[in-house]
N, C-alpha and C. Protein backbone atom coordinates (compact mmCIF):
# COMPACT_ATOMS: atom_id res chain seq x y z
N TYR A 1 12.81 -7.65 -1.43
CA TYR A 1 12.76 -7.22 -2.82
C TYR A 1 13.14 -8.37 -3.74
N LYS A 2 14.12 -9.15 -3.34
CA LYS A 2 14.60 -10.24 -4.20
C LYS A 2 13.55 -11.34 -4.38
N THR A 3 12.67 -11.52 -3.39
CA THR A 3 11.69 -12.59 -3.48
C THR A 3 10.29 -12.10 -3.83
N ASP A 4 10.10 -10.82 -3.96
CA ASP A 4 8.78 -10.25 -4.25
C ASP A 4 8.69 -9.88 -5.73
N SER A 5 7.63 -10.30 -6.40
CA SER A 5 7.52 -10.04 -7.83
C SER A 5 7.08 -8.62 -8.16
N PHE A 6 6.38 -7.94 -7.24
CA PHE A 6 5.86 -6.60 -7.56
C PHE A 6 6.97 -5.60 -7.90
N PRO A 7 8.01 -5.46 -7.08
CA PRO A 7 9.07 -4.52 -7.46
C PRO A 7 9.74 -4.86 -8.79
N LYS A 8 9.86 -6.14 -9.09
CA LYS A 8 10.46 -6.54 -10.37
C LYS A 8 9.57 -6.11 -11.53
N ARG A 9 8.26 -6.22 -11.35
CA ARG A 9 7.35 -5.78 -12.41
C ARG A 9 7.42 -4.26 -12.58
N ILE A 10 7.56 -3.53 -11.49
CA ILE A 10 7.69 -2.06 -11.57
C ILE A 10 8.95 -1.69 -12.33
N ASP A 11 10.02 -2.43 -12.10
CA ASP A 11 11.27 -2.19 -12.85
C ASP A 11 11.05 -2.35 -14.35
N ARG A 12 10.29 -3.38 -14.74
CA ARG A 12 10.04 -3.65 -16.16
C ARG A 12 9.04 -2.68 -16.78
N ASP A 13 7.99 -2.35 -16.04
CA ASP A 13 6.92 -1.51 -16.58
C ASP A 13 6.32 -0.71 -15.42
N PRO A 14 6.58 0.58 -15.36
CA PRO A 14 6.16 1.38 -14.20
C PRO A 14 4.66 1.68 -14.14
N ARG A 15 3.91 1.35 -15.19
CA ARG A 15 2.47 1.61 -15.14
C ARG A 15 1.81 0.68 -14.12
N CYS A 16 0.97 1.25 -13.27
CA CYS A 16 0.29 0.42 -12.28
C CYS A 16 -0.95 1.14 -11.77
N ALA A 17 -1.70 0.44 -10.94
CA ALA A 17 -2.93 0.98 -10.39
C ALA A 17 -3.02 0.64 -8.91
N VAL A 18 -3.73 1.49 -8.18
CA VAL A 18 -3.99 1.27 -6.76
C VAL A 18 -5.50 1.39 -6.58
N GLY A 19 -6.09 0.42 -5.93
CA GLY A 19 -7.52 0.45 -5.65
C GLY A 19 -7.78 0.30 -4.17
N ILE A 20 -8.73 1.06 -3.67
CA ILE A 20 -9.10 1.00 -2.25
C ILE A 20 -10.62 0.83 -2.19
N MET A 21 -11.05 -0.18 -1.47
CA MET A 21 -12.49 -0.45 -1.33
C MET A 21 -12.88 -0.40 0.14
N ASP A 22 -14.06 0.14 0.40
CA ASP A 22 -14.67 0.08 1.72
C ASP A 22 -16.00 -0.63 1.51
N PHE A 23 -16.17 -1.79 2.14
CA PHE A 23 -17.30 -2.66 1.83
C PHE A 23 -17.93 -3.18 3.11
N ASP A 24 -19.25 -3.12 3.17
CA ASP A 24 -20.00 -3.69 4.29
C ASP A 24 -21.21 -4.42 3.73
N ALA A 25 -21.15 -5.73 3.67
CA ALA A 25 -22.22 -6.53 3.08
C ALA A 25 -23.53 -6.40 3.86
N SER A 26 -23.44 -6.13 5.15
CA SER A 26 -24.67 -6.05 5.96
C SER A 26 -25.50 -4.81 5.63
N THR A 27 -24.86 -3.76 5.12
CA THR A 27 -25.59 -2.53 4.77
C THR A 27 -25.64 -2.28 3.27
N GLY A 28 -24.83 -3.01 2.50
CA GLY A 28 -24.76 -2.78 1.06
C GLY A 28 -23.84 -1.64 0.66
N MET A 29 -23.09 -1.13 1.61
CA MET A 29 -22.19 -0.01 1.33
C MET A 29 -20.95 -0.51 0.59
N VAL A 30 -20.70 0.09 -0.57
CA VAL A 30 -19.50 -0.21 -1.36
C VAL A 30 -18.97 1.12 -1.88
N ARG A 31 -17.80 1.50 -1.41
CA ARG A 31 -17.15 2.72 -1.90
C ARG A 31 -15.81 2.33 -2.50
N HIS A 32 -15.48 2.96 -3.60
CA HIS A 32 -14.27 2.61 -4.34
C HIS A 32 -13.51 3.87 -4.74
N VAL A 33 -12.22 3.84 -4.52
CA VAL A 33 -11.31 4.88 -5.01
C VAL A 33 -10.23 4.15 -5.79
N GLY A 34 -9.98 4.60 -7.01
CA GLY A 34 -8.97 3.96 -7.84
C GLY A 34 -8.04 4.99 -8.46
N PHE A 35 -6.79 4.64 -8.56
CA PHE A 35 -5.77 5.51 -9.15
C PHE A 35 -5.00 4.72 -10.20
N ARG A 36 -4.68 5.37 -11.28
CA ARG A 36 -3.76 4.81 -12.28
C ARG A 36 -2.60 5.79 -12.40
N GLY A 37 -1.42 5.23 -12.57
CA GLY A 37 -0.26 6.10 -12.67
C GLY A 37 1.00 5.29 -12.92
N ARG A 38 2.09 5.85 -12.44
CA ARG A 38 3.40 5.21 -12.61
C ARG A 38 4.09 5.13 -11.26
N ALA A 39 4.88 4.09 -11.14
CA ALA A 39 5.61 3.88 -9.89
C ALA A 39 7.10 3.75 -10.20
N ARG A 40 7.88 3.97 -9.18
CA ARG A 40 9.32 3.74 -9.30
C ARG A 40 9.81 3.22 -7.95
N LEU A 41 10.94 2.57 -8.00
CA LEU A 41 11.52 2.03 -6.78
C LEU A 41 12.50 3.03 -6.19
N ASP A 42 12.34 3.29 -4.91
CA ASP A 42 13.31 4.09 -4.16
C ASP A 42 14.08 3.12 -3.28
N GLY A 43 15.37 3.25 -3.26
CA GLY A 43 16.22 2.31 -2.54
C GLY A 43 16.02 2.30 -1.03
N TYR A 44 16.66 1.34 -0.42
CA TYR A 44 16.65 1.17 1.03
C TYR A 44 17.09 2.45 1.71
N ASP A 45 16.36 2.84 2.75
CA ASP A 45 16.69 4.02 3.54
C ASP A 45 16.24 3.74 4.97
N ARG A 46 17.19 3.36 5.81
CA ARG A 46 16.87 2.94 7.18
C ARG A 46 16.10 4.00 7.95
N GLU A 47 16.55 5.25 7.90
CA GLU A 47 15.89 6.31 8.67
C GLU A 47 14.47 6.58 8.17
N ARG A 48 14.30 6.55 6.88
CA ARG A 48 12.96 6.75 6.31
C ARG A 48 12.03 5.61 6.75
N MET A 49 12.55 4.38 6.71
CA MET A 49 11.75 3.23 7.12
C MET A 49 11.39 3.34 8.60
N LYS A 50 12.33 3.78 9.40
CA LYS A 50 12.09 3.93 10.84
C LYS A 50 11.01 4.99 11.09
N ARG A 51 11.08 6.12 10.37
CA ARG A 51 10.05 7.16 10.53
C ARG A 51 8.67 6.64 10.15
N LEU A 52 8.59 5.92 9.04
CA LEU A 52 7.31 5.39 8.58
C LEU A 52 6.74 4.39 9.58
N LEU A 53 7.55 3.45 10.02
CA LEU A 53 7.07 2.45 10.97
C LEU A 53 6.70 3.09 12.30
N SER A 54 7.47 4.07 12.75
CA SER A 54 7.17 4.75 14.02
C SER A 54 5.84 5.48 13.95
N ARG A 55 5.55 6.03 12.80
CA ARG A 55 4.29 6.77 12.63
C ARG A 55 3.08 5.87 12.89
N TYR A 56 3.16 4.63 12.43
CA TYR A 56 2.02 3.73 12.55
C TYR A 56 2.12 2.73 13.70
N LEU A 57 3.32 2.45 14.17
CA LEU A 57 3.50 1.43 15.20
C LEU A 57 3.91 1.99 16.55
N GLY A 58 4.20 3.29 16.62
CA GLY A 58 4.62 3.88 17.88
C GLY A 58 6.13 3.76 18.08
N GLU A 59 6.53 3.81 19.34
CA GLU A 59 7.95 3.75 19.68
C GLU A 59 8.57 2.41 19.28
N GLU A 60 9.82 2.47 18.83
CA GLU A 60 10.49 1.28 18.30
C GLU A 60 10.50 0.11 19.28
N GLN A 61 10.68 0.37 20.56
CA GLN A 61 10.75 -0.71 21.54
C GLN A 61 9.41 -1.45 21.68
N GLU A 62 8.33 -0.88 21.15
CA GLU A 62 7.01 -1.52 21.22
C GLU A 62 6.69 -2.35 19.97
N TRP A 63 7.54 -2.29 18.96
CA TRP A 63 7.27 -2.98 17.70
C TRP A 63 7.35 -4.49 17.86
N ASP A 64 6.57 -5.19 17.07
CA ASP A 64 6.71 -6.62 16.94
C ASP A 64 8.09 -6.89 16.31
N ALA A 65 8.71 -7.98 16.69
CA ALA A 65 10.08 -8.28 16.24
C ALA A 65 10.22 -8.29 14.72
N ARG A 66 9.19 -8.73 14.01
CA ARG A 66 9.30 -8.80 12.55
C ARG A 66 9.51 -7.43 11.91
N PHE A 67 9.02 -6.37 12.55
CA PHE A 67 9.24 -5.03 12.00
C PHE A 67 10.62 -4.50 12.38
N ALA A 68 11.04 -4.73 13.60
CA ALA A 68 12.37 -4.29 14.03
C ALA A 68 13.46 -4.97 13.21
N GLU A 69 13.25 -6.22 12.85
CA GLU A 69 14.26 -6.99 12.12
C GLU A 69 14.50 -6.47 10.70
N ILE A 70 13.52 -5.83 10.09
CA ILE A 70 13.70 -5.39 8.71
C ILE A 70 14.46 -4.07 8.59
N LEU A 71 14.67 -3.39 9.70
CA LEU A 71 15.35 -2.09 9.63
C LEU A 71 16.72 -2.18 8.97
N ASP A 72 17.39 -3.28 9.16
CA ASP A 72 18.73 -3.43 8.58
C ASP A 72 18.75 -4.37 7.37
N ASP A 73 17.59 -4.70 6.86
CA ASP A 73 17.50 -5.58 5.70
C ASP A 73 17.46 -4.73 4.43
N ARG A 74 18.57 -4.68 3.73
CA ARG A 74 18.69 -3.82 2.54
C ARG A 74 17.89 -4.32 1.34
N ASP A 75 17.25 -5.48 1.48
CA ASP A 75 16.39 -5.97 0.39
C ASP A 75 15.04 -5.25 0.36
N TYR A 76 14.71 -4.51 1.40
CA TYR A 76 13.46 -3.76 1.41
C TYR A 76 13.63 -2.46 0.64
N VAL A 77 12.65 -2.15 -0.19
CA VAL A 77 12.67 -0.92 -0.98
C VAL A 77 11.33 -0.21 -0.81
N PHE A 78 11.29 1.04 -1.18
CA PHE A 78 10.05 1.81 -1.19
C PHE A 78 9.55 1.87 -2.62
N VAL A 79 8.25 1.79 -2.78
CA VAL A 79 7.63 1.98 -4.08
C VAL A 79 6.95 3.35 -4.04
N ARG A 80 7.40 4.24 -4.90
CA ARG A 80 6.81 5.59 -4.98
C ARG A 80 5.81 5.59 -6.13
N PHE A 81 4.56 5.91 -5.80
CA PHE A 81 3.49 5.91 -6.80
C PHE A 81 3.06 7.34 -7.07
N VAL A 82 2.98 7.69 -8.35
CA VAL A 82 2.51 9.02 -8.77
C VAL A 82 1.24 8.81 -9.59
N ALA A 83 0.12 9.27 -9.04
CA ALA A 83 -1.17 9.09 -9.71
C ALA A 83 -1.28 10.02 -10.91
N GLU A 84 -1.83 9.51 -11.98
CA GLU A 84 -2.11 10.30 -13.18
C GLU A 84 -3.61 10.50 -13.36
N THR A 85 -4.40 9.53 -12.95
CA THR A 85 -5.86 9.65 -12.98
C THR A 85 -6.43 9.06 -11.70
N ALA A 86 -7.63 9.52 -11.36
CA ALA A 86 -8.31 9.01 -10.17
C ALA A 86 -9.80 8.87 -10.46
N VAL A 87 -10.42 7.91 -9.81
CA VAL A 87 -11.86 7.73 -9.92
C VAL A 87 -12.39 7.43 -8.52
N VAL A 88 -13.53 8.03 -8.20
CA VAL A 88 -14.18 7.80 -6.92
C VAL A 88 -15.62 7.39 -7.22
N ARG A 89 -16.03 6.26 -6.67
CA ARG A 89 -17.39 5.77 -6.95
C ARG A 89 -18.06 5.26 -5.68
N ASP A 90 -19.32 5.59 -5.56
CA ASP A 90 -20.16 4.96 -4.55
C ASP A 90 -20.96 3.90 -5.29
N GLN A 91 -20.65 2.65 -5.07
CA GLN A 91 -21.30 1.55 -5.76
C GLN A 91 -22.21 0.77 -4.81
N SER A 92 -22.73 1.48 -3.83
CA SER A 92 -23.58 0.85 -2.83
C SER A 92 -24.86 0.31 -3.45
N TYR A 93 -25.47 -0.62 -2.75
CA TYR A 93 -26.70 -1.25 -3.23
C TYR A 93 -27.65 -1.46 -2.06
N ALA A 94 -28.92 -1.64 -2.38
CA ALA A 94 -29.93 -1.89 -1.35
C ALA A 94 -29.87 -3.36 -0.94
N VAL A 95 -29.85 -3.59 0.35
CA VAL A 95 -29.84 -4.95 0.88
C VAL A 95 -31.28 -5.43 0.97
N LYS A 96 -31.53 -6.59 0.42
CA LYS A 96 -32.88 -7.17 0.48
C LYS A 96 -33.13 -7.73 1.87
N VAL A 97 -34.27 -7.38 2.41
CA VAL A 97 -34.66 -7.87 3.73
C VAL A 97 -35.28 -9.25 3.56
N LYS A 98 -34.82 -10.20 4.36
CA LYS A 98 -35.33 -11.58 4.25
C LYS A 98 -36.47 -11.81 5.21
């Protein structure tokens, strides 16, 4: 948290956006989901972090060391995002055959 600028910006101004793109240049598929809203910082919570990492990485003993090491690093925080608006677009295009 101390070395990352994003949480500091959230502290100053909670307005933010999240964008997710799914893109395949070989087929011309472009899908976009965007959210605008507000975020806030939730403090360090070891058990919450452990649950989140376990959900995606499996059992703790199988984690890469870099993830296990952050469990006790109180500089890590959670960013809670609350969407106020959303947009979903299919921006796909036809691929020209050469």
